[in-house]
Amino acid sequence: MQVRPGPRADQTPQTSHDTHDAFAGFLDLEPRGRDLFRGRCHDGLPLRAFGGQVAAQALAAAGRTVPDDRTVHSLHVYFLRAGNSAHPLDYTVERERDGSSYHSRRVVAHQGQEAVCTLSASFKRPETTADRQPAMPTAPAPELLPDMYGLWERNNPEDYARAEFRRVLEMRHVPGPAEPHTPGLTEQKLWIRAARPLPDDPLPHACALAYASDLFLAPTTVLSTEPPRMLREKPSSVFLTSLDHAVWFHRPFRADTWMLFAQRSPTAADGRGFALAEVWSPDGLLIAHVVQETVVRPSRPPRP
């Protein structure tokens, strides 16, 4: 059985600290033994490893252990505690099932003796069957929209400088209506793509989508309170952190072409927000669904 190649154990892996210009650097994993890998993650919040990168690296680790003709069709992540971005994470892959069509993997990300997150992923052999989907929602083409990063750098240069994801992703924000179409529902649309070309292997494209999907889904739950991070000048008034995250991949796609994330949040209560997204290719194919539950609490005032 062939599995996806990775760097040899005697090679020094690149990390996100020295490959800011390529998304591949965010997925680099050092083999540490059979089904054991080590990686480093950048900040989401200060000294808190970004959950989207932890999930993407866990998916990359799982993908290293399946045949090349299997592609991921779903993943489910539970974020158990904050990872410390100053230290590496170890990913242990459990081979739960190798079937004729489906392969199942479970990954636990550890720091020391503590589990940071668990990921379950299922991979399958592609099939040719009947195909149906709804029409893609309307949105201006990304080429017609301004670069959000320029506005962000002018509005809040310190926050802009801290954000590692801007080094590997391009992004455009679709202006929304002044009032939601459905009272109580918050919505936003974003065009996102990898800033550099990715290899043809479907795995890094799936990892890139998983990484991007954790960036602005949680903030969708509080759009009734504050605008998106890149469009505001003041610090956030809420504390957000992901609890669990799931992605279903429906059709082949490339993450180095534009993807439309149509995001909405139908409810927030009990210190938790719930949000989901449809992800579309530029030619109107529904490529993925994303669902997330997040902690939503008022921010603590800074200490004097």
C-alpha atoms as a PDB file:
ATOM      1  CA  MET A   1       0.000   0.000   0.000  1.00  0.00           C
ATOM      2  CA  GLN A   2       1.404   3.382  -0.954  1.00  0.00           C
ATOM      3  CA  VAL A   3       0.983   6.303   1.408  1.00  0.00           C
ATOM      4  CA  ARG A   4       1.609   9.975   0.851  1.00  0.00           C
ATOM      5  CA  PRO A   5       5.292  10.815   1.096  1.00  0.00           C
ATOM      6  CA  GLY A   6       6.601  13.187   3.727  1.00  0.00           C
ATOM      7  CA  PRO A   7      10.044  14.480   4.669  1.00  0.00           C
ATOM      8  CA  ARG A   8      12.529  11.833   5.765  1.00  0.00           C
ATOM      9  CA  ALA A   9      13.208  11.584   9.466  1.00  0.00           C
ATOM     10  CA  ASP A  10      16.778  12.836   8.866  1.00  0.00           C
ATOM     11  CA  GLN A  11      15.554  16.010   7.186  1.00  0.00           C
ATOM     12  CA  THR A  12      15.021  19.235   9.088  1.00  0.00           C
ATOM     13  CA  PRO A  13      11.418  20.301   8.522  1.00  0.00           C
ATOM     14  CA  GLN A  14      10.524  23.878   7.759  1.00  0.00           C
ATOM     15  CA  THR A  15       8.202  25.574  10.179  1.00  0.00           C
ATOM     16  CA  SER A  16       5.785  28.435   9.985  1.00  0.00           C
ATOM     17  CA  HIS A  17       8.541  30.655  11.397  1.00  0.00           C
ATOM     18  CA  ASP A  18      10.681  30.434   8.233  1.00  0.00           C
ATOM     19  CA  THR A  19       8.146  29.794   5.459  1.00  0.00           C
ATOM     20  CA  HIS A  20       5.800  32.754   5.859  1.00  0.00           C
ATOM     21  CA  ASP A  21       5.326  33.007   2.092  1.00  0.00           C
ATOM     22  CA  ALA A  22       4.000  29.473   1.499  1.00  0.00           C
ATOM     23  CA  PHE A  23       1.062  27.642   3.045  1.00  0.00           C
ATOM     24  CA  ALA A  24       3.016  24.399   2.797  1.00  0.00           C
ATOM     25  CA  GLY A  25       5.173  25.661   5.660  1.00  0.00           C
ATOM     26  CA  PHE A  26       2.137  25.743   7.932  1.00  0.00           C
ATOM     27  CA  LEU A  27       1.595  22.012   7.324  1.00  0.00           C
ATOM     28  CA  ASP A  28       5.161  20.810   7.817  1.00  0.00           C
ATOM     29  CA  LEU A  29       5.347  17.782  10.077  1.00  0.00           C
ATOM     30  CA  GLU A  30       8.429  16.014  11.356  1.00  0.00           C
ATOM     31  CA  PRO A  31       8.108  12.192  11.457  1.00  0.00           C
ATOM     32  CA  ARG A  32       8.830  10.927  14.978  1.00  0.00           C
ATOM     33  CA  GLY A  33       8.040   7.241  14.466  1.00  0.00           C
ATOM     34  CA  ARG A  34       5.282   5.167  12.912  1.00  0.00           C
ATOM     35  CA  ASP A  35       2.080   7.251  12.963  1.00  0.00           C
ATOM     36  CA  LEU A  36       3.680   9.941  15.144  1.00  0.00           C
ATOM     37  CA  PHE A  37       4.437  13.466  13.871  1.00  0.00           C
ATOM     38  CA  ARG A  38       5.542  16.786  15.352  1.00  0.00           C
ATOM     39  CA  GLY A  39       4.578  20.276  14.193  1.00  0.00           C
ATOM     40  CA  ARG A  40       4.569  23.907  15.290  1.00  0.00           C
ATOM     41  CA  CYS A  41       1.643  26.309  15.155  1.00  0.00           C
ATOM     42  CA  HIS A  42       1.435  30.064  15.146  1.00  0.00           C
ATOM     43  CA  ASP A  43      -0.665  32.187  17.490  1.00  0.00           C
ATOM     44  CA  GLY A  44      -4.392  32.611  17.220  1.00  0.00           C
ATOM     45  CA  LEU A  45      -4.469  34.634  20.426  1.00  0.00           C
ATOM     46  CA  PRO A  46      -1.176  35.516  22.156  1.00  0.00           C
ATOM     47  CA  LEU A  47       0.642  32.260  23.031  1.00  0.00           C
ATOM     48  CA  ARG A  48      -2.469  30.232  22.069  1.00  0.00           C
ATOM     49  CA  ALA A  49      -1.943  27.995  19.056  1.00  0.00           C
ATOM     50  CA  PHE A  50      -4.407  28.753  16.256  1.00  0.00           C
ATOM     51  CA  GLY A  51      -6.993  25.973  16.208  1.00  0.00           C
ATOM     52  CA  GLY A  52      -7.363  26.007  12.434  1.00  0.00           C
ATOM     53  CA  GLN A  53      -3.673  25.213  12.022  1.00  0.00           C
ATOM     54  CA  VAL A  54      -3.808  22.491  14.677  1.00  0.00           C
ATOM     55  CA  ALA A  55      -6.747  20.906  12.810  1.00  0.00           C
ATOM     56  CA  ALA A  56      -4.978  21.253   9.451  1.00  0.00           C
ATOM     57  CA  GLN A  57      -1.814  19.625  10.784  1.00  0.00           C
ATOM     58  CA  ALA A  58      -3.814  16.816  12.400  1.00  0.00           C
ATOM     59  CA  LEU A  59      -5.535  16.216   9.052  1.00  0.00           C
ATOM     60  CA  ALA A  60      -2.168  16.246   7.291  1.00  0.00           C
ATOM     61  CA  ALA A  61      -0.887  13.645   9.776  1.00  0.00           C
ATOM     62  CA  ALA A  62      -3.917  11.427   9.182  1.00  0.00           C
ATOM     63  CA  GLY A  63      -3.544  11.808   5.423  1.00  0.00           C
ATOM     64  CA  ARG A  64       0.052  10.587   5.598  1.00  0.00           C
ATOM     65  CA  THR A  65      -1.244   7.150   6.649  1.00  0.00           C
ATOM     66  CA  VAL A  66      -3.798   6.442   3.897  1.00  0.00           C
ATOM     67  CA  PRO A  67      -3.321   5.398   0.242  1.00  0.00           C
ATOM     68  CA  ASP A  68      -3.018   8.076  -2.419  1.00  0.00           C
ATOM     69  CA  ASP A  69      -6.358   7.106  -3.985  1.00  0.00           C
ATOM     70  CA  ARG A  70      -8.307   7.979  -0.802  1.00  0.00           C
ATOM     71  CA  THR A  71      -9.393  11.582  -0.238  1.00  0.00           C
ATOM     72  CA  VAL A  72     -10.857  13.055   2.925  1.00  0.00           C
ATOM     73  CA  HIS A  73     -14.635  13.507   2.882  1.00  0.00           C
ATOM     74  CA  SER A  74     -15.245  14.538   6.496  1.00  0.00           C
ATOM     75  CA  LEU A  75     -13.474  15.604   9.646  1.00  0.00           C
ATOM     76  CA  HIS A  76     -14.616  16.356  13.184  1.00  0.00           C
ATOM     77  CA  VAL A  77     -12.424  18.213  15.688  1.00  0.00           C
ATOM     78  CA  TYR A  78     -12.846  18.816  19.413  1.00  0.00           C
ATOM     79  CA  PHE A  79     -10.628  21.533  20.848  1.00  0.00           C
ATOM     80  CA  LEU A  80      -9.919  20.424  24.413  1.00  0.00           C
ATOM     81  CA  ARG A  81      -7.535  23.083  25.700  1.00  0.00           C
ATOM     82  CA  ALA A  82      -5.404  25.907  24.400  1.00  0.00           C
ATOM     83  CA  GLY A  83      -2.133  24.829  22.830  1.00  0.00           C
ATOM     84  CA  ASN A  84       0.952  26.893  23.588  1.00  0.00           C
ATOM     85  CA  SER A  85       2.422  28.254  20.356  1.00  0.00           C
ATOM     86  CA  ALA A  86       5.855  28.517  21.984  1.00  0.00           C
ATOM     87  CA  HIS A  87       6.163  24.712  22.034  1.00  0.00           C
ATOM     88  CA  PRO A  88       5.684  21.969  19.399  1.00  0.00           C
ATOM     89  CA  LEU A  89       2.673  19.695  19.220  1.00  0.00           C
ATOM     90  CA  ASP A  90       2.860  15.919  18.812  1.00  0.00           C
ATOM     91  CA  TYR A  91       0.239  14.212  16.629  1.00  0.00           C
ATOM     92  CA  THR A  92      -0.507  10.530  17.228  1.00  0.00           C
ATOM     93  CA  VAL A  93      -2.514   8.789  14.481  1.00  0.00           C
ATOM     94  CA  GLU A  94      -4.721   5.789  15.267  1.00  0.00           C
ATOM     95  CA  ARG A  95      -5.671   3.609  12.290  1.00  0.00           C
ATOM     96  CA  GLU A  96      -9.238   2.798  13.269  1.00  0.00           C
ATOM     97  CA  ARG A  97     -10.376   1.131  10.028  1.00  0.00           C
ATOM     98  CA  ASP A  98      -8.981   0.294   6.595  1.00  0.00           C
ATOM     99  CA  GLY A  99     -11.883  -0.790   4.410  1.00  0.00           C
ATOM    100  CA  SER A 100     -12.135  -1.455   0.687  1.00  0.00           C
ATOM    101  CA  SER A 101     -13.637   2.024   0.125  1.00  0.00           C
ATOM    102  CA  TYR A 102     -13.323   3.946   3.402  1.00  0.00           C
ATOM    103  CA  HIS A 103     -10.412   4.503   5.752  1.00  0.00           C
ATOM    104  CA  SER A 104     -10.948   6.003   9.227  1.00  0.00           C
ATOM    105  CA  ARG A 105      -8.329   7.753  11.331  1.00  0.00           C
ATOM    106  CA  ARG A 106      -8.267   9.355  14.771  1.00  0.00           C
ATOM    107  CA  VAL A 107      -5.574  11.870  15.690  1.00  0.00           C
ATOM    108  CA  VAL A 108      -4.725  13.222  19.137  1.00  0.00           C
ATOM    109  CA  ALA A 109      -2.603  16.376  19.360  1.00  0.00           C
ATOM    110  CA  HIS A 110      -0.571  16.511  22.575  1.00  0.00           C
ATOM    111  CA  GLN A 111       1.689  18.945  24.351  1.00  0.00           C
ATOM    112  CA  GLY A 112       3.484  17.027  27.040  1.00  0.00           C
ATOM    113  CA  GLN A 113       0.952  14.786  28.750  1.00  0.00           C
ATOM    114  CA  GLU A 114      -2.063  16.948  27.864  1.00  0.00           C
ATOM    115  CA  ALA A 115      -4.321  16.475  24.861  1.00  0.00           C
ATOM    116  CA  VAL A 116      -4.913  19.738  22.986  1.00  0.00           C
ATOM    117  CA  CYS A 117      -7.416  18.428  20.444  1.00  0.00           C
ATOM    118  CA  THR A 118      -8.770  15.263  18.871  1.00  0.00           C
ATOM    119  CA  LEU A 119      -9.602  14.844  15.198  1.00  0.00           C
ATOM    120  CA  SER A 120     -11.563  12.083  13.512  1.00  0.00           C
ATOM    121  CA  ALA A 121     -11.284  11.941   9.727  1.00  0.00           C
ATOM    122  CA  SER A 122     -12.711   9.635   7.104  1.00  0.00           C
ATOM    123  CA  PHE A 123     -11.147   9.087   3.685  1.00  0.00           C
ATOM    124  CA  LYS A 124     -12.755   7.358   0.707  1.00  0.00           C
ATOM    125  CA  ARG A 125     -12.154   6.128  -2.803  1.00  0.00           C
ATOM    126  CA  PRO A 126     -13.823   8.463  -5.355  1.00  0.00           C
ATOM    127  CA  GLU A 127     -17.016   7.198  -7.007  1.00  0.00           C
ATOM    128  CA  THR A 128     -19.104   8.275 -10.005  1.00  0.00           C
ATOM    129  CA  THR A 129     -22.769   8.684  -8.990  1.00  0.00           C
ATOM    130  CA  ALA A 130     -25.723  11.050  -9.502  1.00  0.00           C
ATOM    131  CA  ASP A 131     -24.913  14.663  -8.666  1.00  0.00           C
ATOM    132  CA  ARG A 132     -27.200  17.454  -7.416  1.00  0.00           C
ATOM    133  CA  GLN A 133     -26.812  20.734  -5.541  1.00  0.00           C
ATOM    134  CA  PRO A 134     -28.586  24.092  -5.132  1.00  0.00           C
ATOM    135  CA  ALA A 135     -27.599  27.250  -6.965  1.00  0.00           C
ATOM    136  CA  MET A 136     -24.649  29.228  -5.660  1.00  0.00           C
ATOM    137  CA  PRO A 137     -25.543  32.385  -3.694  1.00  0.00           C
ATOM    138  CA  THR A 138     -24.913  35.656  -5.445  1.00  0.00           C
ATOM    139  CA  ALA A 139     -21.727  37.573  -4.696  1.00  0.00           C
ATOM    140  CA  PRO A 140     -19.513  40.040  -6.574  1.00  0.00           C
ATOM    141  CA  ALA A 141     -16.448  38.452  -8.149  1.00  0.00           C
ATOM    142  CA  PRO A 142     -13.403  38.719  -5.854  1.00  0.00           C
ATOM    143  CA  GLU A 143     -11.552  40.729  -8.494  1.00  0.00           C
ATOM    144  CA  LEU A 144     -14.184  43.458  -8.095  1.00  0.00           C
ATOM    145  CA  LEU A 145     -13.721  43.763  -4.326  1.00  0.00           C
ATOM    146  CA  PRO A 146     -11.017  45.674  -2.422  1.00  0.00           C
ATOM    147  CA  ASP A 147      -8.189  43.915  -0.652  1.00  0.00           C
ATOM    148  CA  MET A 148      -9.223  43.711   3.014  1.00  0.00           C
ATOM    149  CA  TYR A 149      -5.641  43.663   4.213  1.00  0.00           C
ATOM    150  CA  GLY A 150      -4.931  47.210   3.052  1.00  0.00           C
ATOM    151  CA  LEU A 151      -7.896  48.552   5.014  1.00  0.00           C
ATOM    152  CA  TRP A 152      -6.959  46.440   8.034  1.00  0.00           C
ATOM    153  CA  GLU A 153      -3.377  47.702   8.000  1.00  0.00           C
ATOM    154  CA  ARG A 154      -4.631  51.306   7.980  1.00  0.00           C
ATOM    155  CA  ASN A 155      -7.307  50.739  10.639  1.00  0.00           C
ATOM    156  CA  ASN A 156      -5.299  48.653  13.080  1.00  0.00           C
ATOM    157  CA  PRO A 157      -1.627  48.199  12.069  1.00  0.00           C
ATOM    158  CA  GLU A 158      -0.641  46.388  15.278  1.00  0.00           C
ATOM    159  CA  ASP A 159      -3.373  43.777  14.929  1.00  0.00           C
ATOM    160  CA  TYR A 160      -2.566  43.415  11.227  1.00  0.00           C
ATOM    161  CA  ALA A 161       1.114  42.774  11.987  1.00  0.00           C
ATOM    162  CA  ARG A 162       0.256  40.020  14.500  1.00  0.00           C
ATOM    163  CA  ALA A 163      -1.975  38.013  12.142  1.00  0.00           C
ATOM    164  CA  GLU A 164       0.030  35.151  10.623  1.00  0.00           C
ATOM    165  CA  PHE A 165      -2.758  33.953   8.310  1.00  0.00           C
ATOM    166  CA  ARG A 166      -2.446  37.036   6.107  1.00  0.00           C
ATOM    167  CA  ARG A 167       0.925  35.681   4.957  1.00  0.00           C
ATOM    168  CA  VAL A 168      -0.606  32.580   3.363  1.00  0.00           C
ATOM    169  CA  LEU A 169      -4.176  33.560   2.432  1.00  0.00           C
ATOM    170  CA  GLU A 170      -5.743  36.186   0.196  1.00  0.00           C
ATOM    171  CA  MET A 171      -9.155  37.433   1.252  1.00  0.00           C
ATOM    172  CA  ARG A 172     -11.989  39.641   0.040  1.00  0.00           C
ATOM    173  CA  HIS A 173     -15.024  40.647   2.114  1.00  0.00           C
ATOM    174  CA  VAL A 174     -18.421  40.783   0.398  1.00  0.00           C
ATOM    175  CA  PRO A 175     -20.382  43.813   1.684  1.00  0.00           C
ATOM    176  CA  GLY A 176     -23.654  42.700   3.226  1.00  0.00           C
ATOM    177  CA  PRO A 177     -27.044  44.382   3.706  1.00  0.00           C
ATOM    178  CA  ALA A 178     -27.467  46.884   6.534  1.00  0.00           C
ATOM    179  CA  GLU A 179     -30.070  44.617   8.135  1.00  0.00           C
ATOM    180  CA  PRO A 180     -30.221  40.802   8.110  1.00  0.00           C
ATOM    181  CA  HIS A 181     -32.738  39.175   5.794  1.00  0.00           C
ATOM    182  CA  THR A 182     -33.981  37.050   8.718  1.00  0.00           C
ATOM    183  CA  PRO A 183     -34.196  38.681  12.167  1.00  0.00           C
ATOM    184  CA  GLY A 184     -31.850  36.953  14.599  1.00  0.00           C
ATOM    185  CA  LEU A 185     -29.659  35.554  11.817  1.00  0.00           C
ATOM    186  CA  THR A 186     -26.162  36.958  11.264  1.00  0.00           C
ATOM    187  CA  GLU A 187     -24.430  36.439   7.920  1.00  0.00           C
ATOM    188  CA  GLN A 188     -21.274  37.280   6.020  1.00  0.00           C
ATOM    189  CA  LYS A 189     -19.528  36.161   2.832  1.00  0.00           C
ATOM    190  CA  LEU A 190     -15.801  35.939   2.226  1.00  0.00           C
ATOM    191  CA  TRP A 191     -13.703  35.010  -0.782  1.00  0.00           C
ATOM    192  CA  ILE A 192     -10.558  33.157   0.359  1.00  0.00           C
ATOM    193  CA  ARG A 193      -7.704  31.407  -1.448  1.00  0.00           C
ATOM    194  CA  ALA A 194      -4.149  30.287  -0.758  1.00  0.00           C
ATOM    195  CA  ALA A 195      -1.705  33.038  -1.649  1.00  0.00           C
ATOM    196  CA  ARG A 196       0.692  30.637  -3.406  1.00  0.00           C
ATOM    197  CA  PRO A 197       0.030  27.653  -5.721  1.00  0.00           C
ATOM    198  CA  LEU A 198      -0.407  24.323  -3.931  1.00  0.00           C
ATOM    199  CA  PRO A 199       0.646  20.892  -5.234  1.00  0.00           C
ATOM    200  CA  ASP A 200      -1.863  18.776  -7.154  1.00  0.00           C
ATOM    201  CA  ASP A 201      -2.306  16.305  -4.264  1.00  0.00           C
ATOM    202  CA  PRO A 202      -5.856  16.889  -2.866  1.00  0.00           C
ATOM    203  CA  LEU A 203      -4.650  16.627   0.754  1.00  0.00           C
ATOM    204  CA  PRO A 204      -2.972  20.066   1.077  1.00  0.00           C
ATOM    205  CA  HIS A 205      -6.050  21.655  -0.526  1.00  0.00           C
ATOM    206  CA  ALA A 206      -8.290  20.010   2.082  1.00  0.00           C
ATOM    207  CA  CYS A 207      -5.893  21.133   4.831  1.00  0.00           C
ATOM    208  CA  ALA A 208      -5.916  24.693   3.480  1.00  0.00           C
ATOM    209  CA  LEU A 209      -9.723  24.780   3.511  1.00  0.00           C
ATOM    210  CA  ALA A 210      -9.783  23.383   7.064  1.00  0.00           C
ATOM    211  CA  TYR A 211      -7.283  26.049   8.144  1.00  0.00           C
ATOM    212  CA  ALA A 212      -9.248  28.879   6.522  1.00  0.00           C
ATOM    213  CA  SER A 213     -12.600  27.625   7.783  1.00  0.00           C
ATOM    214  CA  ASP A 214     -11.651  28.290  11.419  1.00  0.00           C
ATOM    215  CA  LEU A 215     -10.719  31.930  10.862  1.00  0.00           C
ATOM    216  CA  PHE A 216     -14.011  33.810  10.572  1.00  0.00           C
ATOM    217  CA  LEU A 217     -16.757  31.315  11.368  1.00  0.00           C
ATOM    218  CA  ALA A 218     -16.738  32.055  15.105  1.00  0.00           C
ATOM    219  CA  PRO A 219     -16.847  35.848  14.521  1.00  0.00           C
ATOM    220  CA  THR A 220     -20.019  35.305  12.482  1.00  0.00           C
ATOM    221  CA  THR A 221     -21.774  34.536  15.783  1.00  0.00           C
ATOM    222  CA  VAL A 222     -21.171  38.083  17.071  1.00  0.00           C
ATOM    223  CA  LEU A 223     -21.733  40.195  13.956  1.00  0.00           C
ATOM    224  CA  SER A 224     -24.774  41.685  15.696  1.00  0.00           C
ATOM    225  CA  THR A 225     -22.329  43.075  18.297  1.00  0.00           C
ATOM    226  CA  GLU A 226     -19.266  44.092  16.291  1.00  0.00           C
ATOM    227  CA  PRO A 227     -17.948  44.122  12.701  1.00  0.00           C
ATOM    228  CA  PRO A 228     -15.337  41.628  11.479  1.00  0.00           C
ATOM    229  CA  ARG A 229     -11.822  41.920  12.868  1.00  0.00           C
ATOM    230  CA  MET A 230     -10.336  43.392   9.703  1.00  0.00           C
ATOM    231  CA  LEU A 231     -13.006  46.087   9.431  1.00  0.00           C
ATOM    232  CA  ARG A 232     -12.928  47.502  12.959  1.00  0.00           C
ATOM    233  CA  GLU A 233     -10.554  49.892  14.656  1.00  0.00           C
ATOM    234  CA  LYS A 234     -11.254  49.009  18.303  1.00  0.00           C
ATOM    235  CA  PRO A 235     -10.361  45.787  20.150  1.00  0.00           C
ATOM    236  CA  SER A 236     -12.976  43.057  20.268  1.00  0.00           C
ATOM    237  CA  SER A 237     -15.596  43.287  23.015  1.00  0.00           C
ATOM    238  CA  VAL A 238     -16.066  39.497  23.105  1.00  0.00           C
ATOM    239  CA  PHE A 239     -13.917  36.456  23.760  1.00  0.00           C
ATOM    240  CA  LEU A 240     -14.231  33.707  21.140  1.00  0.00           C
ATOM    241  CA  THR A 241     -12.641  30.270  21.049  1.00  0.00           C
ATOM    242  CA  SER A 242     -13.641  27.173  19.096  1.00  0.00           C
ATOM    243  CA  LEU A 243     -15.180  24.230  20.927  1.00  0.00           C
ATOM    244  CA  ASP A 244     -15.749  21.826  18.067  1.00  0.00           C
ATOM    245  CA  HIS A 245     -15.467  22.022  14.321  1.00  0.00           C
ATOM    246  CA  ALA A 246     -16.611  19.796  11.464  1.00  0.00           C
ATOM    247  CA  VAL A 247     -16.047  19.876   7.705  1.00  0.00           C
ATOM    248  CA  TRP A 248     -17.698  17.790   4.997  1.00  0.00           C
ATOM    249  CA  PHE A 249     -15.971  17.803   1.606  1.00  0.00           C
ATOM    250  CA  HIS A 250     -18.381  17.184  -1.275  1.00  0.00           C
ATOM    251  CA  ARG A 251     -16.486  17.668  -4.541  1.00  0.00           C
ATOM    252  CA  PRO A 252     -12.896  18.021  -5.790  1.00  0.00           C
ATOM    253  CA  PHE A 253     -11.560  21.575  -5.560  1.00  0.00           C
ATOM    254  CA  ARG A 254      -8.436  23.674  -5.421  1.00  0.00           C
ATOM    255  CA  ALA A 255      -7.774  25.947  -2.447  1.00  0.00           C
ATOM    256  CA  ASP A 256      -5.351  28.061  -4.483  1.00  0.00           C
ATOM    257  CA  THR A 257      -8.311  29.358  -6.505  1.00  0.00           C
ATOM    258  CA  TRP A 258     -10.968  31.563  -4.910  1.00  0.00           C
ATOM    259  CA  MET A 259     -13.477  29.883  -2.584  1.00  0.00           C
ATOM    260  CA  LEU A 260     -16.647  31.645  -1.442  1.00  0.00           C
ATOM    261  CA  PHE A 261     -17.415  31.070   2.254  1.00  0.00           C
ATOM    262  CA  ALA A 262     -21.106  31.903   2.742  1.00  0.00           C
ATOM    263  CA  GLN A 263     -21.344  31.972   6.552  1.00  0.00           C
ATOM    264  CA  ARG A 264     -24.316  32.355   8.866  1.00  0.00           C
ATOM    265  CA  SER A 265     -25.115  31.994  12.541  1.00  0.00           C
ATOM    266  CA  PRO A 266     -28.716  31.149  13.503  1.00  0.00           C
ATOM    267  CA  THR A 267     -28.251  31.221  17.277  1.00  0.00           C
ATOM    268  CA  ALA A 268     -26.101  32.255  20.241  1.00  0.00           C
ATOM    269  CA  ALA A 269     -26.994  31.446  23.852  1.00  0.00           C
ATOM    270  CA  ASP A 270     -25.591  30.044  27.093  1.00  0.00           C
ATOM    271  CA  GLY A 271     -22.110  31.402  26.387  1.00  0.00           C
ATOM    272  CA  ARG A 272     -21.971  29.527  23.066  1.00  0.00           C
ATOM    273  CA  GLY A 273     -22.469  30.484  19.439  1.00  0.00           C
ATOM    274  CA  PHE A 274     -23.314  28.214  16.513  1.00  0.00           C
ATOM    275  CA  ALA A 275     -22.318  28.941  12.922  1.00  0.00           C
ATOM    276  CA  LEU A 276     -22.156  27.153   9.599  1.00  0.00           C
ATOM    277  CA  ALA A 277     -20.804  27.841   6.149  1.00  0.00           C
ATOM    278  CA  GLU A 278     -21.277  26.660   2.602  1.00  0.00           C
ATOM    279  CA  VAL A 279     -18.069  26.775   0.575  1.00  0.00           C
ATOM    280  CA  TRP A 280     -18.305  27.301  -3.188  1.00  0.00           C
ATOM    281  CA  SER A 281     -15.879  27.221  -6.090  1.00  0.00           C
ATOM    282  CA  PRO A 282     -15.826  30.196  -8.497  1.00  0.00           C
ATOM    283  CA  ASP A 283     -17.667  28.148 -11.130  1.00  0.00           C
ATOM    284  CA  GLY A 284     -20.589  27.447  -8.788  1.00  0.00           C
ATOM    285  CA  LEU A 285     -19.779  24.025  -7.351  1.00  0.00           C
ATOM    286  CA  LEU A 286     -20.690  23.368  -3.717  1.00  0.00           C
ATOM    287  CA  ILE A 287     -17.409  21.979  -2.414  1.00  0.00           C
ATOM    288  CA  ALA A 288     -17.863  21.806   1.371  1.00  0.00           C
ATOM    289  CA  HIS A 289     -19.967  22.472   4.443  1.00  0.00           C
ATOM    290  CA  VAL A 290     -18.469  23.679   7.720  1.00  0.00           C
ATOM    291  CA  VAL A 291     -20.154  23.709  11.154  1.00  0.00           C
ATOM    292  CA  GLN A 292     -18.733  25.107  14.381  1.00  0.00           C
ATOM    293  CA  GLU A 293     -19.702  25.727  17.993  1.00  0.00           C
ATOM    294  CA  THR A 294     -17.718  28.369  19.828  1.00  0.00           C
ATOM    295  CA  VAL A 295     -17.409  29.956  23.258  1.00  0.00           C
ATOM    296  CA  VAL A 296     -18.891  33.484  23.251  1.00  0.00           C
ATOM    297  CA  ARG A 297     -18.243  35.589  26.345  1.00  0.00           C
ATOM    298  CA  PRO A 298     -17.609  39.261  27.124  1.00  0.00           C
ATOM    299  CA  SER A 299     -13.927  40.123  26.982  1.00  0.00           C
ATOM    300  CA  ARG A 300     -12.217  40.629  30.303  1.00  0.00           C
ATOM    301  CA  PRO A 301     -10.987  44.191  30.766  1.00  0.00           C
ATOM    302  CA  PRO A 302      -7.175  44.538  30.564  1.00  0.00           C
ATOM    303  CA  ARG A 303      -5.352  44.485  33.869  1.00  0.00           C
ATOM    304  CA  PRO A 304      -4.186  47.911  35.078  1.00  0.00           C
END
